[in-house]
Amino acid sequence: MRHELAEPTAFAIDPTGTIAVLTGTDAGYGHAGVVVDLTAAALTPIPLPTEGVPFLSDAAWSPDGSTLAVVGGFADGAPRTFSRHGLLGSP
């Protein structure tokens, strides 16, 4: 996964140990982080839906693993949260 990011800055595995998130400065791939479903047969990175953000500086899961919070170079300076299910493209 490192080749997707110029400089990884955060790594977070959800409390169930089934999803990993790696964030960092953008390496020209249009995203600043990847999500990996660790239960899949192959580790396929899924871009975090943060295109246009030059970097993500931190990521953390909620205690129940339902939500991911990320902090980074958003124009308004506010953190963003993502649903666990939304990250994997399921309802």
N, C-alpha and C. Protein backbone atom coordinates (compact mmCIF):
# COMPACT_ATOMS: atom_id res chain seq x y z
N MET A 1 0.82 -1.20 0.00
CA MET A 1 0.00 0.00 0.00
C MET A 1 0.85 1.25 0.00
N ARG A 2 2.07 1.20 0.44
CA ARG A 2 2.89 2.39 0.55
C ARG A 2 3.08 3.12 -0.77
N HIS A 3 3.11 2.40 -1.90
CA HIS A 3 3.34 3.06 -3.17
C HIS A 3 2.24 4.04 -3.54
N GLU A 4 1.06 3.92 -2.93
CA GLU A 4 -0.05 4.82 -3.21
C GLU A 4 0.13 6.19 -2.56
N LEU A 5 0.96 6.27 -1.52
CA LEU A 5 1.11 7.50 -0.75
C LEU A 5 2.57 7.93 -0.73
N ALA A 6 2.78 9.24 -0.86
CA ALA A 6 4.15 9.74 -0.82
C ALA A 6 4.76 9.55 0.56
N GLU A 7 4.01 9.93 1.59
CA GLU A 7 4.48 9.80 2.97
C GLU A 7 3.33 9.37 3.87
N PRO A 8 3.24 8.11 4.22
CA PRO A 8 2.17 7.68 5.13
C PRO A 8 2.27 8.42 6.47
N THR A 9 1.11 8.84 7.00
CA THR A 9 1.09 9.58 8.25
C THR A 9 0.27 8.90 9.34
N ALA A 10 -0.64 8.01 8.96
CA ALA A 10 -1.47 7.35 9.97
C ALA A 10 -1.89 5.98 9.47
N PHE A 11 -2.02 5.05 10.41
CA PHE A 11 -2.50 3.71 10.12
C PHE A 11 -3.47 3.34 11.21
N ALA A 12 -4.67 2.90 10.83
CA ALA A 12 -5.67 2.54 11.84
C ALA A 12 -6.41 1.28 11.41
N ILE A 13 -6.48 0.31 12.30
CA ILE A 13 -7.27 -0.89 12.07
C ILE A 13 -8.51 -0.78 12.94
N ASP A 14 -9.67 -1.08 12.36
CA ASP A 14 -10.91 -0.97 13.12
C ASP A 14 -10.91 -1.98 14.27
N PRO A 15 -11.78 -1.77 15.28
CA PRO A 15 -11.78 -2.63 16.47
C PRO A 15 -12.05 -4.11 16.18
N THR A 16 -12.68 -4.42 15.07
CA THR A 16 -12.95 -5.82 14.75
C THR A 16 -11.78 -6.48 14.01
N GLY A 17 -10.80 -5.67 13.59
CA GLY A 17 -9.65 -6.19 12.88
C GLY A 17 -9.92 -6.56 11.44
N THR A 18 -10.99 -6.00 10.86
CA THR A 18 -11.36 -6.38 9.49
C THR A 18 -11.12 -5.30 8.44
N ILE A 19 -10.91 -4.05 8.87
CA ILE A 19 -10.67 -2.96 7.93
C ILE A 19 -9.45 -2.17 8.39
N ALA A 20 -8.54 -1.89 7.47
CA ALA A 20 -7.39 -1.05 7.78
C ALA A 20 -7.45 0.21 6.92
N VAL A 21 -6.98 1.32 7.49
CA VAL A 21 -6.92 2.58 6.78
C VAL A 21 -5.50 3.11 6.89
N LEU A 22 -4.96 3.51 5.75
CA LEU A 22 -3.62 4.11 5.69
C LEU A 22 -3.78 5.48 5.05
N THR A 23 -3.30 6.52 5.73
CA THR A 23 -3.41 7.87 5.20
C THR A 23 -2.03 8.49 5.03
N GLY A 24 -1.98 9.57 4.28
CA GLY A 24 -0.72 10.27 4.08
C GLY A 24 -0.83 11.38 3.06
N THR A 25 0.30 11.94 2.70
CA THR A 25 0.29 13.00 1.69
C THR A 25 0.03 12.39 0.33
N ASP A 26 -0.69 13.12 -0.49
CA ASP A 26 -1.08 12.65 -1.81
C ASP A 26 0.12 12.46 -2.71
N ALA A 27 0.13 11.38 -3.46
CA ALA A 27 1.23 11.10 -4.38
C ALA A 27 0.78 11.25 -5.83
N GLY A 28 -0.24 12.08 -6.06
CA GLY A 28 -0.72 12.30 -7.40
C GLY A 28 -1.77 11.31 -7.86
N TYR A 29 -2.32 10.53 -6.94
CA TYR A 29 -3.32 9.53 -7.31
C TYR A 29 -4.75 10.02 -7.06
N GLY A 30 -4.91 11.28 -6.67
CA GLY A 30 -6.24 11.84 -6.47
C GLY A 30 -6.87 11.49 -5.14
N HIS A 31 -6.14 10.93 -4.22
CA HIS A 31 -6.66 10.65 -2.88
C HIS A 31 -5.52 10.71 -1.88
N ALA A 32 -5.90 10.78 -0.62
CA ALA A 32 -4.89 10.90 0.42
C ALA A 32 -4.96 9.75 1.41
N GLY A 33 -5.56 8.67 1.00
CA GLY A 33 -5.63 7.52 1.88
C GLY A 33 -6.31 6.35 1.20
N VAL A 34 -6.10 5.18 1.77
CA VAL A 34 -6.73 3.97 1.24
C VAL A 34 -7.36 3.16 2.36
N VAL A 35 -8.41 2.44 2.00
CA VAL A 35 -9.11 1.53 2.91
C VAL A 35 -8.87 0.13 2.37
N VAL A 36 -8.59 -0.81 3.25
CA VAL A 36 -8.38 -2.19 2.83
C VAL A 36 -9.28 -3.10 3.65
N ASP A 37 -10.08 -3.91 2.95
CA ASP A 37 -10.92 -4.91 3.61
C ASP A 37 -10.02 -6.12 3.90
N LEU A 38 -9.67 -6.32 5.14
CA LEU A 38 -8.75 -7.39 5.51
C LEU A 38 -9.38 -8.78 5.45
N THR A 39 -10.70 -8.84 5.25
CA THR A 39 -11.37 -10.14 5.16
C THR A 39 -11.41 -10.65 3.72
N ALA A 40 -11.08 -9.79 2.77
CA ALA A 40 -11.11 -10.19 1.36
C ALA A 40 -9.95 -11.14 1.05
N ALA A 41 -10.12 -11.93 0.02
CA ALA A 41 -9.08 -12.88 -0.38
C ALA A 41 -7.82 -12.14 -0.82
N ALA A 42 -7.99 -10.98 -1.45
CA ALA A 42 -6.85 -10.17 -1.90
C ALA A 42 -6.95 -8.80 -1.23
N LEU A 43 -5.83 -8.24 -0.84
CA LEU A 43 -5.83 -6.91 -0.21
C LEU A 43 -5.87 -5.85 -1.31
N THR A 44 -7.08 -5.38 -1.61
CA THR A 44 -7.27 -4.39 -2.66
C THR A 44 -7.53 -3.03 -2.02
N PRO A 45 -6.63 -2.08 -2.18
CA PRO A 45 -6.87 -0.74 -1.62
C PRO A 45 -8.06 -0.06 -2.28
N ILE A 46 -8.88 0.59 -1.48
CA ILE A 46 -10.03 1.37 -1.95
C ILE A 46 -9.73 2.82 -1.58
N PRO A 47 -9.71 3.75 -2.56
CA PRO A 47 -9.41 5.14 -2.22
C PRO A 47 -10.43 5.71 -1.23
N LEU A 48 -9.94 6.42 -0.22
CA LEU A 48 -10.85 7.15 0.66
C LEU A 48 -11.53 8.24 -0.17
N PRO A 49 -12.80 8.54 0.10
CA PRO A 49 -13.50 9.57 -0.69
C PRO A 49 -13.09 10.98 -0.28
N THR A 50 -11.80 11.30 -0.46
CA THR A 50 -11.27 12.62 -0.08
C THR A 50 -10.48 13.23 -1.22
N GLU A 51 -10.91 12.99 -2.47
CA GLU A 51 -10.18 13.53 -3.61
C GLU A 51 -10.05 15.04 -3.51
N GLY A 52 -8.90 15.54 -3.89
CA GLY A 52 -8.63 16.97 -3.85
C GLY A 52 -8.04 17.44 -2.53
N VAL A 53 -7.97 16.56 -1.54
CA VAL A 53 -7.38 16.92 -0.25
C VAL A 53 -5.90 16.55 -0.33
N PRO A 54 -5.00 17.52 -0.12
CA PRO A 54 -3.57 17.25 -0.30
C PRO A 54 -2.96 16.29 0.72
N PHE A 55 -3.55 16.16 1.90
CA PHE A 55 -3.00 15.25 2.90
C PHE A 55 -4.04 14.93 3.96
N LEU A 56 -3.87 13.81 4.61
CA LEU A 56 -4.61 13.45 5.81
C LEU A 56 -3.59 13.21 6.89
N SER A 57 -3.77 13.83 8.05
CA SER A 57 -2.75 13.74 9.08
C SER A 57 -3.06 12.71 10.16
N ASP A 58 -4.32 12.28 10.25
CA ASP A 58 -4.65 11.31 11.29
C ASP A 58 -5.96 10.61 10.94
N ALA A 59 -6.13 9.42 11.47
CA ALA A 59 -7.36 8.64 11.29
C ALA A 59 -7.60 7.84 12.56
N ALA A 60 -8.87 7.74 12.95
CA ALA A 60 -9.22 6.96 14.15
C ALA A 60 -10.62 6.40 14.00
N TRP A 61 -10.80 5.17 14.48
CA TRP A 61 -12.10 4.51 14.46
C TRP A 61 -12.86 4.80 15.75
N SER A 62 -14.18 4.84 15.66
CA SER A 62 -15.00 4.92 16.87
C SER A 62 -14.85 3.61 17.63
N PRO A 63 -15.11 3.60 18.93
CA PRO A 63 -14.93 2.37 19.71
C PRO A 63 -15.71 1.16 19.18
N ASP A 64 -16.88 1.40 18.57
CA ASP A 64 -17.65 0.28 18.04
C ASP A 64 -17.31 -0.05 16.59
N GLY A 65 -16.39 0.70 15.98
CA GLY A 65 -15.95 0.42 14.62
C GLY A 65 -16.92 0.85 13.54
N SER A 66 -17.95 1.61 13.89
CA SER A 66 -18.95 1.99 12.89
C SER A 66 -18.58 3.24 12.09
N THR A 67 -17.65 4.05 12.63
CA THR A 67 -17.31 5.32 12.01
C THR A 67 -15.81 5.56 12.03
N LEU A 68 -15.31 6.11 10.93
CA LEU A 68 -13.91 6.52 10.83
C LEU A 68 -13.86 8.03 10.80
N ALA A 69 -13.02 8.63 11.63
CA ALA A 69 -12.80 10.08 11.61
C ALA A 69 -11.41 10.35 11.04
N VAL A 70 -11.32 11.35 10.15
CA VAL A 70 -10.03 11.73 9.57
C VAL A 70 -9.84 13.23 9.70
N VAL A 71 -8.60 13.63 9.87
CA VAL A 71 -8.22 15.04 9.98
C VAL A 71 -7.18 15.31 8.92
N GLY A 72 -7.25 16.48 8.31
CA GLY A 72 -6.25 16.78 7.29
C GLY A 72 -6.44 18.12 6.64
N GLY A 73 -6.09 18.21 5.37
CA GLY A 73 -6.07 19.47 4.65
C GLY A 73 -7.39 19.89 4.04
N PHE A 74 -8.48 19.75 4.76
CA PHE A 74 -9.77 20.18 4.26
C PHE A 74 -9.84 21.71 4.31
N ALA A 75 -10.46 22.32 3.33
CA ALA A 75 -10.49 23.79 3.21
C ALA A 75 -11.05 24.46 4.46
N ASP A 76 -12.05 23.85 5.09
CA ASP A 76 -12.65 24.46 6.28
C ASP A 76 -11.96 24.06 7.57
N GLY A 77 -10.98 23.17 7.50
CA GLY A 77 -10.23 22.76 8.67
C GLY A 77 -10.94 21.77 9.57
N ALA A 78 -12.19 21.42 9.24
CA ALA A 78 -12.97 20.51 10.08
C ALA A 78 -12.65 19.05 9.74
N PRO A 79 -12.68 18.16 10.73
CA PRO A 79 -12.47 16.74 10.45
C PRO A 79 -13.66 16.19 9.67
N ARG A 80 -13.47 15.03 9.07
CA ARG A 80 -14.54 14.35 8.34
C ARG A 80 -14.76 12.98 8.95
N THR A 81 -16.01 12.52 8.90
CA THR A 81 -16.32 11.18 9.36
C THR A 81 -16.94 10.38 8.22
N PHE A 82 -16.68 9.09 8.23
CA PHE A 82 -17.21 8.19 7.22
C PHE A 82 -17.80 6.96 7.88
N SER A 83 -18.91 6.50 7.34
CA SER A 83 -19.53 5.27 7.82
C SER A 83 -18.69 4.08 7.39
N ARG A 84 -18.53 3.12 8.25
CA ARG A 84 -17.80 1.90 7.93
C ARG A 84 -18.38 1.25 6.68
N HIS A 85 -19.70 1.14 6.62
CA HIS A 85 -20.34 0.48 5.49
C HIS A 85 -20.17 1.30 4.22
N GLY A 86 -20.23 2.62 4.33
CA GLY A 86 -20.05 3.48 3.18
C GLY A 86 -18.64 3.36 2.58
N LEU A 87 -17.65 3.16 3.43
CA LEU A 87 -16.28 3.03 2.95
C LEU A 87 -16.10 1.79 2.08
N LEU A 88 -16.83 0.74 2.39
CA LEU A 88 -16.70 -0.50 1.63
C LEU A 88 -17.73 -0.60 0.51
N GLY A 89 -18.56 0.44 0.35
CA GLY A 89 -19.53 0.46 -0.72
C GLY A 89 -20.76 -0.39 -0.48
N SER A 90 -21.02 -0.74 0.78
CA SER A 90 -22.21 -1.51 1.10
C SER A 90 -23.17 -0.66 1.91
N PRO A 91 -24.46 -1.03 1.91
CA PRO A 91 -25.45 -0.21 2.66
C PRO A 91 -25.25 -0.26 4.15
